[in-house]
Amino acid sequence: MKTKTTFYCLLTMLLLIVCSSARGQYVFDTDKDKVLPPGENYYTRGMSASWRNDWEYAIQMWTKAADMGHIESMLRLGYTYHEGIGVNKDCSMQLYWYERAAQNGSVEACRYIAEMYERGECIEKNLPLAIKWYEEAIDLGDTEYSPHHIEFLYDSNPGLKSMMAEKSRHNNDNTLEEQSESSAKPLQPTYCSSCSGGGKCTSCGGTGKYYANGRYHNCGVCGGSGVCSVCHGTGSQPELQTTPQIQQANWCVSCSGGRKCSSCGGKGSYYMSGKYHPCQICHGSGICQVCHGTGIQ
């Protein structure tokens, strides 16, 4: 009797653990020091949901994992839209997720896309594009399937190889022509990265002032002039900003080069309990207290 009671207790505990983990409340990992890839937990929850035929939750989890760069989740999403599992069949979404996986280095995704173009599945048949995607798979390390399949397509489609060679030559001619045209064009002016060519201070909008605590104050960025302090009103990107010294400069970790107080956003005050109060970080100046308004670390 005691053994049977113990058995039922253990069975009940196991069922509670399974039920609580059904929506991904617990993720078990026997290796405590193992670092899981980004999105792996969401992917695992999605797989568990798919085994229960809870496709809505599975797709939700896989989408979260895919947005974190999880390749297998992107492939799963492409497959669900291909088969119409839990969603309506959607060729554009199928191709979208496979292309995202391919952009993240998935050989399988490149082959899936190549096969779609080869067979004309959901999209218009296009053998040159199929070969392009097989070549992408080869570039990512596929040394068996894709090379043999490209050879098969050339053997079974006479004239395809000469078509590809002609297309490649035409693309090279266009590239040389575009390079020649671009070299002949005059250089376009580079507008100021701060004011986008307007010449006005982006902090105060060119007014030189801001309103706080019942009165106007001079802008802490332009000093009240209303002129962009980066280009000094010219609207053009200063040459000094493209020099190696400026490119190598370390921007302030607090304001990221913006020179404003990160607490109040450069306003110098904050509104609370029906009135304005001076910012406790910059003491009302609106200037970053880490770099003291220089923007440099």
Protein backbone atom coordinates (compact mmCIF):
# COMPACT_ATOMS: atom_id res chain seq x y z
CA MET A 1 0.00 0.00 0.00
CA LYS A 2 2.82 2.36 0.90
CA THR A 3 4.63 1.60 -2.38
CA LYS A 4 1.47 2.31 -4.40
CA THR A 5 0.95 5.64 -2.57
CA THR A 6 4.53 6.67 -3.26
CA PHE A 7 4.10 5.77 -6.92
CA TYR A 8 0.97 7.93 -7.26
CA CYS A 9 2.70 10.84 -5.49
CA LEU A 10 5.63 10.68 -7.89
CA LEU A 11 3.25 10.43 -10.85
CA THR A 12 1.32 13.50 -9.63
CA MET A 13 4.54 15.50 -9.23
CA LEU A 14 5.63 14.54 -12.74
CA LEU A 15 2.27 15.63 -14.20
CA LEU A 16 2.50 18.97 -12.38
CA ILE A 17 5.98 19.59 -13.82
CA VAL A 18 4.81 18.71 -17.34
CA CYS A 19 1.74 20.94 -17.07
CA SER A 20 3.69 23.88 -15.68
CA SER A 21 6.27 23.58 -18.44
CA ALA A 22 3.60 23.33 -21.17
CA ARG A 23 3.83 27.02 -21.84
CA GLY A 24 7.57 27.16 -21.38
CA GLN A 25 7.67 28.06 -17.69
CA TYR A 26 10.70 25.82 -17.13
CA VAL A 27 13.63 25.11 -19.40
CA PHE A 28 15.68 22.09 -18.30
CA ASP A 29 19.36 21.94 -19.11
CA THR A 30 21.52 19.24 -17.62
CA ASP A 31 24.67 21.20 -18.38
CA LYS A 32 24.43 24.22 -16.09
CA ASP A 33 27.48 25.89 -17.64
CA LYS A 34 26.19 25.55 -21.20
CA VAL A 35 25.42 28.86 -22.92
CA LEU A 36 22.36 28.46 -25.15
CA PRO A 37 22.22 30.30 -28.50
CA PRO A 38 19.99 33.40 -28.58
CA GLY A 39 16.36 32.33 -28.97
CA GLU A 40 17.01 28.67 -28.12
CA ASN A 41 14.58 28.74 -25.18
CA TYR A 42 11.79 30.20 -27.34
CA TYR A 43 12.56 27.60 -30.03
CA THR A 44 12.30 24.78 -27.48
CA ARG A 45 8.97 26.09 -26.21
CA GLY A 46 7.71 26.29 -29.77
CA MET A 47 8.72 22.68 -30.44
CA SER A 48 6.94 21.52 -27.29
CA ALA A 49 3.82 23.40 -28.37
CA SER A 50 3.95 21.86 -31.87
CA TRP A 51 4.01 18.37 -30.34
CA ARG A 52 0.76 19.30 -28.57
CA ASN A 53 -0.63 20.71 -31.85
CA ASP A 54 -0.72 24.16 -30.25
CA TRP A 55 0.46 25.78 -33.46
CA GLU A 56 -0.58 29.31 -32.56
CA TYR A 57 1.74 29.31 -29.55
CA ALA A 58 4.46 27.46 -31.48
CA ILE A 59 4.49 30.09 -34.24
CA GLN A 60 4.53 32.85 -31.63
CA MET A 61 7.58 31.31 -29.93
CA TRP A 62 9.42 30.61 -33.18
CA THR A 63 8.82 34.18 -34.34
CA LYS A 64 10.36 35.53 -31.12
CA ALA A 65 13.33 33.21 -31.55
CA ALA A 66 13.71 34.15 -35.23
CA ASP A 67 13.76 37.84 -34.33
CA MET A 68 16.75 37.00 -32.12
CA GLY A 69 18.55 35.40 -35.07
CA HIS A 70 17.67 31.75 -34.39
CA ILE A 71 18.09 30.05 -37.78
CA GLU A 72 16.21 26.82 -37.03
CA SER A 73 13.15 28.86 -36.00
CA MET A 74 13.25 30.71 -39.33
CA LEU A 75 13.31 27.36 -41.14
CA ARG A 76 10.38 26.11 -39.03
CA LEU A 77 8.35 29.21 -39.87
CA GLY A 78 9.11 28.80 -43.57
CA TYR A 79 7.93 25.20 -43.39
CA THR A 80 4.67 26.07 -41.58
CA TYR A 81 3.78 28.61 -44.28
CA HIS A 82 4.74 26.06 -46.94
CA GLU A 83 2.48 23.35 -45.51
CA GLY A 84 -0.19 25.66 -44.08
CA ILE A 85 0.19 24.26 -40.57
CA GLY A 86 -1.47 26.56 -38.05
CA VAL A 87 -1.57 29.31 -40.69
CA ASN A 88 -2.83 29.73 -44.23
CA LYS A 89 -0.41 28.70 -46.95
CA ASP A 90 1.55 31.77 -47.96
CA CYS A 91 4.30 31.51 -50.57
CA SER A 92 5.60 35.03 -49.92
CA MET A 93 5.98 34.35 -46.18
CA GLN A 94 7.59 30.99 -46.91
CA LEU A 95 10.15 32.68 -49.15
CA TYR A 96 10.59 35.52 -46.64
CA TRP A 97 11.61 33.23 -43.77
CA TYR A 98 13.83 31.06 -45.95
CA GLU A 99 15.61 34.17 -47.27
CA ARG A 100 16.12 35.44 -43.72
CA ALA A 101 17.62 32.10 -42.73
CA ALA A 102 19.86 32.17 -45.81
CA GLN A 103 21.05 35.66 -44.93
CA ASN A 104 22.03 34.29 -41.54
CA GLY A 105 24.15 31.55 -43.13
CA SER A 106 21.76 28.60 -43.50
CA VAL A 107 22.79 26.15 -46.24
CA GLU A 108 19.42 24.38 -45.98
CA ALA A 109 17.54 27.65 -46.60
CA CYS A 110 19.60 28.33 -49.75
CA ARG A 111 18.77 24.87 -51.07
CA TYR A 112 15.05 25.26 -50.23
CA ILE A 113 14.89 28.55 -52.15
CA ALA A 114 16.81 27.03 -55.07
CA GLU A 115 14.34 24.14 -55.22
CA MET A 116 11.40 26.58 -55.19
CA TYR A 117 12.78 28.35 -58.27
CA GLU A 118 13.78 25.08 -59.90
CA ARG A 119 10.33 23.50 -59.58
CA GLY A 120 8.28 26.67 -59.92
CA GLU A 121 6.80 25.97 -56.51
CA CYS A 122 4.64 28.91 -55.36
CA ILE A 123 6.75 31.23 -57.51
CA GLU A 124 7.57 31.44 -61.20
CA LYS A 125 10.08 28.86 -62.38
CA ASN A 126 13.50 30.44 -62.88
CA LEU A 127 16.47 28.13 -63.42
CA PRO A 128 19.14 30.88 -63.42
CA LEU A 129 17.90 32.01 -59.99
CA ALA A 130 17.85 28.37 -58.83
CA ILE A 131 21.51 28.04 -59.83
CA LYS A 132 22.28 31.33 -58.06
CA TRP A 133 20.87 29.99 -54.79
CA TYR A 134 22.66 26.65 -55.20
CA GLU A 135 25.87 28.65 -55.63
CA GLU A 136 25.04 30.55 -52.43
CA ALA A 137 24.78 27.19 -50.66
CA ILE A 138 28.18 26.20 -52.06
CA ASP A 139 29.68 29.45 -50.77
CA LEU A 140 28.33 28.55 -47.33
CA GLY A 141 30.05 25.16 -47.40
CA ASP A 142 27.73 22.76 -49.27
CA THR A 143 30.23 20.58 -51.19
CA GLU A 144 27.94 17.67 -52.09
CA TYR A 145 24.27 18.31 -52.92
CA SER A 146 24.39 21.75 -54.59
CA PRO A 147 27.40 21.16 -56.90
CA HIS A 148 25.91 17.92 -58.20
CA HIS A 149 22.50 19.53 -58.63
CA ILE A 150 23.92 22.44 -60.64
CA GLU A 151 25.63 19.90 -62.90
CA PHE A 152 22.33 18.03 -63.25
CA LEU A 153 20.48 21.23 -64.24
CA TYR A 154 23.10 22.04 -66.90
CA ASP A 155 22.98 18.49 -68.30
CA SER A 156 19.17 18.34 -68.39
CA ASN A 157 18.69 21.86 -69.80
CA PRO A 158 20.78 22.42 -72.96
CA GLY A 159 21.65 26.04 -73.49
CA LEU A 160 21.35 26.95 -69.79
CA LYS A 161 25.12 27.17 -69.28
CA SER A 162 25.58 29.51 -72.27
CA MET A 163 22.62 31.59 -71.01
CA MET A 164 24.26 31.94 -67.60
CA ALA A 165 27.61 32.90 -69.19
CA GLU A 166 25.92 35.54 -71.35
CA LYS A 167 24.05 36.92 -68.34
CA SER A 168 27.28 37.12 -66.34
CA ARG A 169 29.04 38.96 -69.18
CA HIS A 170 26.13 41.39 -69.50
CA ASN A 171 26.18 42.10 -65.75
CA ASN A 172 29.92 42.76 -65.88
CA ASP A 173 29.44 45.21 -68.78
CA ASN A 174 26.73 47.04 -66.84
CA THR A 175 28.96 47.24 -63.77
CA LEU A 176 31.82 48.78 -65.78
CA GLU A 177 29.38 51.26 -67.37
CA GLU A 178 27.97 52.29 -63.99
CA GLN A 179 31.48 52.76 -62.60
CA SER A 180 32.39 54.94 -65.58
CA GLU A 181 29.24 57.06 -65.16
CA SER A 182 29.74 57.47 -61.43
CA SER A 183 33.34 58.59 -61.88
CA ALA A 184 32.20 61.25 -64.37
CA LYS A 185 29.56 62.68 -62.03
CA PRO A 186 30.51 65.65 -59.83
CA LEU A 187 30.77 64.94 -56.13
CA GLN A 188 27.59 65.69 -54.24
CA PRO A 189 27.85 67.93 -51.18
CA THR A 190 27.88 66.18 -47.82
CA TYR A 191 25.27 67.70 -45.56
CA CYS A 192 25.85 68.21 -41.86
CA SER A 193 25.08 65.06 -39.87
CA SER A 194 23.46 67.14 -37.12
CA CYS A 195 21.22 69.68 -38.90
CA SER A 196 20.95 67.85 -42.26
CA GLY A 197 21.92 71.02 -44.09
CA GLY A 198 19.50 73.37 -42.33
CA GLY A 199 22.18 75.19 -40.37
CA LYS A 200 19.97 75.45 -37.26
CA CYS A 201 20.60 74.07 -33.81
CA THR A 202 18.65 70.84 -33.54
CA SER A 203 18.26 71.19 -29.77
CA CYS A 204 16.29 74.46 -29.77
CA GLY A 205 15.14 74.43 -33.39
CA GLY A 206 17.05 77.62 -34.14
CA THR A 207 15.34 79.77 -31.51
CA GLY A 208 18.36 79.80 -29.21
CA LYS A 209 16.16 79.39 -26.14
CA TYR A 210 14.03 76.91 -24.24
CA TYR A 211 11.24 77.48 -21.70
CA ALA A 212 11.50 76.03 -18.19
CA ASN A 213 10.46 77.04 -14.68
CA GLY A 214 8.33 79.93 -15.94
CA ARG A 215 11.02 81.66 -17.99
CA TYR A 216 13.21 81.33 -21.06
CA HIS A 217 16.80 80.11 -20.89
CA ASN A 218 19.60 80.16 -23.42
CA CYS A 219 20.04 76.85 -25.25
CA GLY A 220 22.85 74.90 -23.61
CA VAL A 221 23.97 73.43 -26.94
CA CYS A 222 24.22 76.49 -29.20
CA GLY A 223 24.69 79.00 -26.37
CA GLY A 224 21.66 81.02 -27.48
CA SER A 225 22.80 81.62 -31.06
CA GLY A 226 20.33 79.19 -32.65
CA VAL A 227 23.06 78.09 -35.06
CA CYS A 228 24.12 74.47 -35.50
CA SER A 229 27.21 73.98 -33.37
CA VAL A 230 28.52 71.18 -35.60
CA CYS A 231 28.66 72.97 -38.97
CA HIS A 232 28.43 76.52 -37.48
CA GLY A 233 25.49 77.35 -39.74
CA THR A 234 27.07 76.31 -43.06
CA GLY A 235 24.89 73.21 -43.46
CA SER A 236 27.84 71.22 -44.80
CA GLN A 237 29.65 68.44 -43.01
CA PRO A 238 32.89 69.91 -41.64
CA GLU A 239 36.01 68.31 -43.09
CA LEU A 240 37.42 67.86 -39.64
CA GLN A 241 34.69 65.33 -38.84
CA THR A 242 36.00 63.00 -41.54
CA THR A 243 39.62 63.06 -40.39
CA PRO A 244 41.07 59.96 -38.75
CA GLN A 245 41.43 61.81 -35.45
CA ILE A 246 37.70 62.47 -35.18
CA GLN A 247 36.76 59.03 -36.48
CA GLN A 248 38.89 57.49 -33.77
CA ALA A 249 37.41 59.66 -31.02
CA ASN A 250 35.50 57.94 -28.24
CA TRP A 251 32.03 59.42 -27.89
CA CYS A 252 30.72 60.09 -24.41
CA VAL A 253 29.17 56.97 -22.88
CA SER A 254 26.38 59.05 -21.35
CA CYS A 255 25.19 61.33 -24.18
CA SER A 256 26.73 59.39 -27.12
CA GLY A 257 28.16 62.63 -28.49
CA GLY A 258 24.91 64.59 -28.25
CA ARG A 259 26.23 66.73 -25.35
CA LYS A 260 22.82 66.84 -23.68
CA CYS A 261 22.03 65.63 -20.20
CA SER A 262 20.71 62.10 -20.62
CA SER A 263 18.43 62.48 -17.59
CA CYS A 264 16.35 65.47 -18.70
CA GLY A 265 17.10 65.31 -22.43
CA GLY A 266 18.80 68.70 -22.36
CA LYS A 267 15.77 70.56 -20.97
CA GLY A 268 17.33 71.20 -17.57
CA SER A 269 14.10 70.44 -15.75
CA TYR A 270 11.40 67.86 -15.27
CA TYR A 271 7.67 68.20 -14.52
CA MET A 272 6.24 66.61 -11.38
CA SER A 273 3.40 67.38 -8.96
CA GLY A 274 2.09 70.26 -11.06
CA LYS A 275 5.36 72.19 -11.43
CA TYR A 276 8.80 72.11 -12.97
CA HIS A 277 11.86 71.12 -10.96
CA PRO A 278 15.54 71.60 -11.86
CA CYS A 279 17.19 68.42 -13.08
CA GLN A 280 19.18 66.84 -10.23
CA ILE A 281 21.85 65.52 -12.61
CA CYS A 282 22.76 68.61 -14.64
CA HIS A 283 21.44 71.12 -12.02
CA GLY A 284 19.29 72.86 -14.63
CA SER A 285 21.99 73.40 -17.26
CA GLY A 286 20.77 70.68 -19.63
CA ILE A 287 24.39 69.79 -20.43
CA CYS A 288 25.86 66.31 -20.06
CA GLN A 289 27.77 66.16 -16.79
CA VAL A 290 30.03 63.33 -17.91
CA CYS A 291 31.66 65.09 -20.88
CA HIS A 292 30.63 68.64 -19.79
CA GLY A 293 29.07 69.34 -23.17
CA THR A 294 32.01 68.26 -25.35
CA GLY A 295 30.45 65.02 -26.55
CA ILE A 296 33.80 63.25 -26.20
CA GLN A 297 34.62 60.67 -23.58
